[in-house]
Amino acid sequence: MDWTPLLEKHGSSLVLYARQWTGSHADAEEAVQDGFIRAWRRKQDERDVDRIVPYLFRAVKSAALDGWRKRTRRKKREIKASDDSYGRQPVFETRLEDQERNAEIQACLERIPAAQREVIVMKIWGDLTFKQIAKSLNVPQNTASSRYRRALDNLKKLVGKDLFHG
């Protein structure tokens, strides 16, 4: 199987997805790379993209969390109180021109529950179906879609309807 189209189609959304658990864009890219390797090892004979893509998101999340644990342990060992390299990073980076809107979206996304934020990223930026999201998160499809609806409702309350209409 040629994995290049999967990387081209889902690479940026997987980086965005991994940013939820990583401290930087570079760490998110590394998690995506590790996720592809994990998916390749497990699904190299798989030809059904509808099965590979959810597994790929799951593998990237696992790689991102493994990386986060590794960095957390390293941070504890190093005990660098004055080092700001572990400071809080945005959950994701967008290409929005308006920096105020970007900051507002970022702040609002951080205020909704992680499970809802996860589905929002997978659906909007990852362009996954609810079926694929459900497979990736190992939840029923109705759960994935209800988390998405609740997340949108929460974001609308936090940001305002004008954000979602232009």
C-alpha atoms as a PDB file:
ATOM      1  CA  MET A   1       0.000   0.000   0.000  1.00  0.00           C
ATOM      2  CA  ASP A   2       1.196   3.517  -0.818  1.00  0.00           C
ATOM      3  CA  TRP A   3       1.009   5.565   2.388  1.00  0.00           C
ATOM      4  CA  THR A   4       1.906   8.863   0.679  1.00  0.00           C
ATOM      5  CA  PRO A   5      -1.711   9.824  -0.181  1.00  0.00           C
ATOM      6  CA  LEU A   6      -2.698   9.234   3.458  1.00  0.00           C
ATOM      7  CA  LEU A   7       0.079  11.531   4.626  1.00  0.00           C
ATOM      8  CA  GLU A   8      -0.840  14.171   2.059  1.00  0.00           C
ATOM      9  CA  LYS A   9      -4.540  14.069   2.922  1.00  0.00           C
ATOM     10  CA  HIS A  10      -4.372  13.663   6.703  1.00  0.00           C
ATOM     11  CA  GLY A  11      -0.869  14.798   7.680  1.00  0.00           C
ATOM     12  CA  SER A  12      -1.718  18.360   8.709  1.00  0.00           C
ATOM     13  CA  SER A  13      -4.870  17.311  10.554  1.00  0.00           C
ATOM     14  CA  LEU A  14      -2.925  14.601  12.370  1.00  0.00           C
ATOM     15  CA  VAL A  15      -0.348  17.190  13.458  1.00  0.00           C
ATOM     16  CA  LEU A  16      -3.179  19.397  14.695  1.00  0.00           C
ATOM     17  CA  TYR A  17      -4.704  16.405  16.472  1.00  0.00           C
ATOM     18  CA  ALA A  18      -1.387  15.495  18.116  1.00  0.00           C
ATOM     19  CA  ARG A  19      -0.888  19.095  19.309  1.00  0.00           C
ATOM     20  CA  GLN A  20      -3.532  18.454  21.962  1.00  0.00           C
ATOM     21  CA  TRP A  21      -1.048  16.312  23.852  1.00  0.00           C
ATOM     22  CA  THR A  22       2.322  17.648  22.774  1.00  0.00           C
ATOM     23  CA  GLY A  23       4.228  20.720  23.792  1.00  0.00           C
ATOM     24  CA  SER A  24       5.194  21.911  20.343  1.00  0.00           C
ATOM     25  CA  HIS A  25       4.616  21.611  16.642  1.00  0.00           C
ATOM     26  CA  ALA A  26       7.842  19.606  16.296  1.00  0.00           C
ATOM     27  CA  ASP A  27       6.693  17.106  18.942  1.00  0.00           C
ATOM     28  CA  ALA A  28       3.346  16.796  17.156  1.00  0.00           C
ATOM     29  CA  GLU A  29       5.105  16.084  13.866  1.00  0.00           C
ATOM     30  CA  GLU A  30       7.194  13.437  15.598  1.00  0.00           C
ATOM     31  CA  ALA A  31       4.036  11.857  17.022  1.00  0.00           C
ATOM     32  CA  VAL A  32       2.552  11.748  13.520  1.00  0.00           C
ATOM     33  CA  GLN A  33       5.675  10.110  12.198  1.00  0.00           C
ATOM     34  CA  ASP A  34       5.607   7.553  15.021  1.00  0.00           C
ATOM     35  CA  GLY A  35       1.879   7.025  14.447  1.00  0.00           C
ATOM     36  CA  PHE A  36       2.455   6.258  10.772  1.00  0.00           C
ATOM     37  CA  ILE A  37       5.146   3.754  11.696  1.00  0.00           C
ATOM     38  CA  ARG A  38       2.848   2.080  14.223  1.00  0.00           C
ATOM     39  CA  ALA A  39       0.009   1.983  11.694  1.00  0.00           C
ATOM     40  CA  TRP A  40       2.282   0.613   8.996  1.00  0.00           C
ATOM     41  CA  ARG A  41       3.548  -2.153  11.278  1.00  0.00           C
ATOM     42  CA  ARG A  42       0.051  -3.163  12.258  1.00  0.00           C
ATOM     43  CA  LYS A  43      -1.913  -2.486   9.086  1.00  0.00           C
ATOM     44  CA  GLN A  44       0.614  -2.906   6.271  1.00  0.00           C
ATOM     45  CA  ASP A  45      -1.568  -5.495   4.506  1.00  0.00           C
ATOM     46  CA  GLU A  46      -4.744  -3.467   5.011  1.00  0.00           C
ATOM     47  CA  ARG A  47      -6.234  -1.938   1.856  1.00  0.00           C
ATOM     48  CA  ASP A  48      -9.418  -0.388   3.292  1.00  0.00           C
ATOM     49  CA  VAL A  49      -8.738   3.308   3.978  1.00  0.00           C
ATOM     50  CA  ASP A  50     -11.875   3.530   6.143  1.00  0.00           C
ATOM     51  CA  ARG A  51     -10.152   1.139   8.538  1.00  0.00           C
ATOM     52  CA  ILE A  52      -6.669   2.595   8.302  1.00  0.00           C
ATOM     53  CA  VAL A  53      -7.525   6.263   8.923  1.00  0.00           C
ATOM     54  CA  PRO A  54      -9.222   5.748  12.309  1.00  0.00           C
ATOM     55  CA  TYR A  55      -6.383   3.474  13.380  1.00  0.00           C
ATOM     56  CA  LEU A  56      -3.918   6.111  12.227  1.00  0.00           C
ATOM     57  CA  PHE A  57      -5.551   8.748  14.445  1.00  0.00           C
ATOM     58  CA  ARG A  58      -5.495   6.297  17.357  1.00  0.00           C
ATOM     59  CA  ALA A  59      -1.815   5.512  16.712  1.00  0.00           C
ATOM     60  CA  VAL A  60      -0.919   9.216  16.552  1.00  0.00           C
ATOM     61  CA  LYS A  61      -2.738   9.888  19.824  1.00  0.00           C
ATOM     62  CA  SER A  62      -0.904   7.007  21.461  1.00  0.00           C
ATOM     63  CA  ALA A  63       2.448   8.241  20.134  1.00  0.00           C
ATOM     64  CA  ALA A  64       1.689  11.793  21.290  1.00  0.00           C
ATOM     65  CA  LEU A  65       0.767  10.603  24.790  1.00  0.00           C
ATOM     66  CA  ASP A  66       3.881   8.425  24.945  1.00  0.00           C
ATOM     67  CA  GLY A  67       5.955  11.438  23.967  1.00  0.00           C
ATOM     68  CA  TRP A  68       4.197  13.580  26.577  1.00  0.00           C
ATOM     69  CA  ARG A  69       4.943  11.002  29.287  1.00  0.00           C
ATOM     70  CA  LYS A  70       8.564  10.841  28.215  1.00  0.00           C
ATOM     71  CA  ARG A  71       8.919  14.627  28.276  1.00  0.00           C
ATOM     72  CA  THR A  72       7.192  14.829  31.665  1.00  0.00           C
ATOM     73  CA  ARG A  73       9.600  12.321  33.171  1.00  0.00           C
ATOM     74  CA  ARG A  74      12.550  14.175  31.652  1.00  0.00           C
ATOM     75  CA  LYS A  75      11.255  17.466  33.008  1.00  0.00           C
ATOM     76  CA  LYS A  76      11.004  16.052  36.510  1.00  0.00           C
ATOM     77  CA  ARG A  77      14.550  14.750  36.296  1.00  0.00           C
ATOM     78  CA  GLU A  78      15.995  17.975  35.016  1.00  0.00           C
ATOM     79  CA  ILE A  79      14.134  20.221  37.493  1.00  0.00           C
ATOM     80  CA  LYS A  80      14.723  23.413  35.595  1.00  0.00           C
ATOM     81  CA  ALA A  81      12.592  25.941  37.413  1.00  0.00           C
ATOM     82  CA  SER A  82      13.849  28.821  35.335  1.00  0.00           C
ATOM     83  CA  ASP A  83      13.575  26.986  32.001  1.00  0.00           C
ATOM     84  CA  ASP A  84      10.587  28.240  30.011  1.00  0.00           C
ATOM     85  CA  SER A  85      10.890  25.606  27.283  1.00  0.00           C
ATOM     86  CA  TYR A  86       8.127  23.601  28.916  1.00  0.00           C
ATOM     87  CA  GLY A  87       5.747  26.536  29.043  1.00  0.00           C
ATOM     88  CA  ARG A  88       2.161  26.200  27.949  1.00  0.00           C
ATOM     89  CA  GLN A  89       1.795  25.929  24.189  1.00  0.00           C
ATOM     90  CA  PRO A  90      -1.401  26.422  22.196  1.00  0.00           C
ATOM     91  CA  VAL A  91      -3.387  23.252  21.533  1.00  0.00           C
ATOM     92  CA  PHE A  92      -3.128  23.929  17.816  1.00  0.00           C
ATOM     93  CA  GLU A  93      -1.945  26.447  15.303  1.00  0.00           C
ATOM     94  CA  THR A  94      -4.309  27.764  12.676  1.00  0.00           C
ATOM     95  CA  ARG A  95      -3.804  29.635   9.476  1.00  0.00           C
ATOM     96  CA  LEU A  96      -6.344  32.316  10.343  1.00  0.00           C
ATOM     97  CA  GLU A  97      -5.285  35.782   9.322  1.00  0.00           C
ATOM     98  CA  ASP A  98      -6.974  37.463  12.240  1.00  0.00           C
ATOM     99  CA  GLN A  99      -4.744  36.869  15.281  1.00  0.00           C
ATOM    100  CA  GLU A 100      -7.397  38.020  17.746  1.00  0.00           C
ATOM    101  CA  ARG A 101      -9.850  35.475  16.375  1.00  0.00           C
ATOM    102  CA  ASN A 102      -7.118  32.830  16.519  1.00  0.00           C
ATOM    103  CA  ALA A 103      -6.454  33.593  20.173  1.00  0.00           C
ATOM    104  CA  GLU A 104     -10.171  33.572  20.945  1.00  0.00           C
ATOM    105  CA  ILE A 105     -10.696  30.213  19.261  1.00  0.00           C
ATOM    106  CA  GLN A 106      -7.671  28.802  21.060  1.00  0.00           C
ATOM    107  CA  ALA A 107      -8.932  29.981  24.431  1.00  0.00           C
ATOM    108  CA  CYS A 108     -12.416  28.617  23.806  1.00  0.00           C
ATOM    109  CA  LEU A 109     -11.150  25.249  22.611  1.00  0.00           C
ATOM    110  CA  GLU A 110      -9.118  24.940  25.784  1.00  0.00           C
ATOM    111  CA  ARG A 111     -12.257  25.571  27.849  1.00  0.00           C
ATOM    112  CA  ILE A 112     -14.334  22.722  26.397  1.00  0.00           C
ATOM    113  CA  PRO A 113     -13.855  19.152  27.625  1.00  0.00           C
ATOM    114  CA  ALA A 114     -10.955  17.277  26.051  1.00  0.00           C
ATOM    115  CA  ALA A 115     -13.232  14.559  24.626  1.00  0.00           C
ATOM    116  CA  GLN A 116     -15.262  17.201  22.788  1.00  0.00           C
ATOM    117  CA  ARG A 117     -12.158  19.058  21.603  1.00  0.00           C
ATOM    118  CA  GLU A 118     -10.745  15.793  20.293  1.00  0.00           C
ATOM    119  CA  VAL A 119     -13.846  15.121  18.171  1.00  0.00           C
ATOM    120  CA  ILE A 120     -13.918  18.721  16.882  1.00  0.00           C
ATOM    121  CA  VAL A 121     -10.328  18.441  15.659  1.00  0.00           C
ATOM    122  CA  MET A 122     -10.926  15.059  14.048  1.00  0.00           C
ATOM    123  CA  LYS A 123     -14.144  16.174  12.343  1.00  0.00           C
ATOM    124  CA  ILE A 124     -13.302  19.714  11.241  1.00  0.00           C
ATOM    125  CA  TRP A 125      -9.568  19.620  10.641  1.00  0.00           C
ATOM    126  CA  GLY A 126      -9.184  15.880  10.109  1.00  0.00           C
ATOM    127  CA  ASP A 127     -12.226  15.634   7.833  1.00  0.00           C
ATOM    128  CA  LEU A 128     -13.124  12.264   9.359  1.00  0.00           C
ATOM    129  CA  THR A 129     -16.605  10.820   9.345  1.00  0.00           C
ATOM    130  CA  PHE A 130     -18.339  10.059  12.617  1.00  0.00           C
ATOM    131  CA  LYS A 131     -17.871   6.385  11.829  1.00  0.00           C
ATOM    132  CA  GLN A 132     -14.102   6.891  11.515  1.00  0.00           C
ATOM    133  CA  ILE A 133     -13.989   9.032  14.658  1.00  0.00           C
ATOM    134  CA  ALA A 134     -15.918   6.393  16.573  1.00  0.00           C
ATOM    135  CA  LYS A 135     -13.488   3.690  15.443  1.00  0.00           C
ATOM    136  CA  SER A 136     -10.516   5.834  16.353  1.00  0.00           C
ATOM    137  CA  LEU A 137     -11.817   6.633  19.827  1.00  0.00           C
ATOM    138  CA  ASN A 138     -13.329   3.196  20.366  1.00  0.00           C
ATOM    139  CA  VAL A 139     -16.754   4.671  21.158  1.00  0.00           C
ATOM    140  CA  PRO A 140     -20.173   4.235  19.540  1.00  0.00           C
ATOM    141  CA  GLN A 141     -20.833   6.410  16.494  1.00  0.00           C
ATOM    142  CA  ASN A 142     -23.696   8.161  18.314  1.00  0.00           C
ATOM    143  CA  THR A 143     -21.296   9.119  21.106  1.00  0.00           C
ATOM    144  CA  ALA A 144     -18.896  10.674  18.633  1.00  0.00           C
ATOM    145  CA  SER A 145     -21.634  12.693  16.949  1.00  0.00           C
ATOM    146  CA  SER A 146     -23.162  13.819  20.251  1.00  0.00           C
ATOM    147  CA  ARG A 147     -19.738  14.966  21.514  1.00  0.00           C
ATOM    148  CA  TYR A 148     -19.378  16.956  18.308  1.00  0.00           C
ATOM    149  CA  ARG A 149     -22.798  18.606  18.717  1.00  0.00           C
ATOM    150  CA  ARG A 150     -22.114  19.404  22.374  1.00  0.00           C
ATOM    151  CA  ALA A 151     -18.716  20.820  21.473  1.00  0.00           C
ATOM    152  CA  LEU A 152     -20.241  23.082  18.828  1.00  0.00           C
ATOM    153  CA  ASP A 153     -22.906  24.222  21.296  1.00  0.00           C
ATOM    154  CA  ASN A 154     -20.255  24.960  23.906  1.00  0.00           C
ATOM    155  CA  LEU A 155     -18.081  26.822  21.412  1.00  0.00           C
ATOM    156  CA  LYS A 156     -21.031  28.873  20.168  1.00  0.00           C
ATOM    157  CA  LYS A 157     -21.782  29.917  23.743  1.00  0.00           C
ATOM    158  CA  LEU A 158     -18.163  30.822  24.359  1.00  0.00           C
ATOM    159  CA  VAL A 159     -17.330  32.538  21.073  1.00  0.00           C
ATOM    160  CA  GLY A 160     -20.600  33.620  19.558  1.00  0.00           C
ATOM    161  CA  LYS A 161     -22.408  32.587  16.417  1.00  0.00           C
ATOM    162  CA  ASP A 162     -20.533  35.034  14.180  1.00  0.00           C
ATOM    163  CA  LEU A 163     -17.381  32.893  14.416  1.00  0.00           C
ATOM    164  CA  PHE A 164     -19.118  29.962  12.781  1.00  0.00           C
ATOM    165  CA  HIS A 165     -20.688  31.992   9.977  1.00  0.00           C
ATOM    166  CA  GLY A 166     -17.809  33.822   8.474  1.00  0.00           C
END
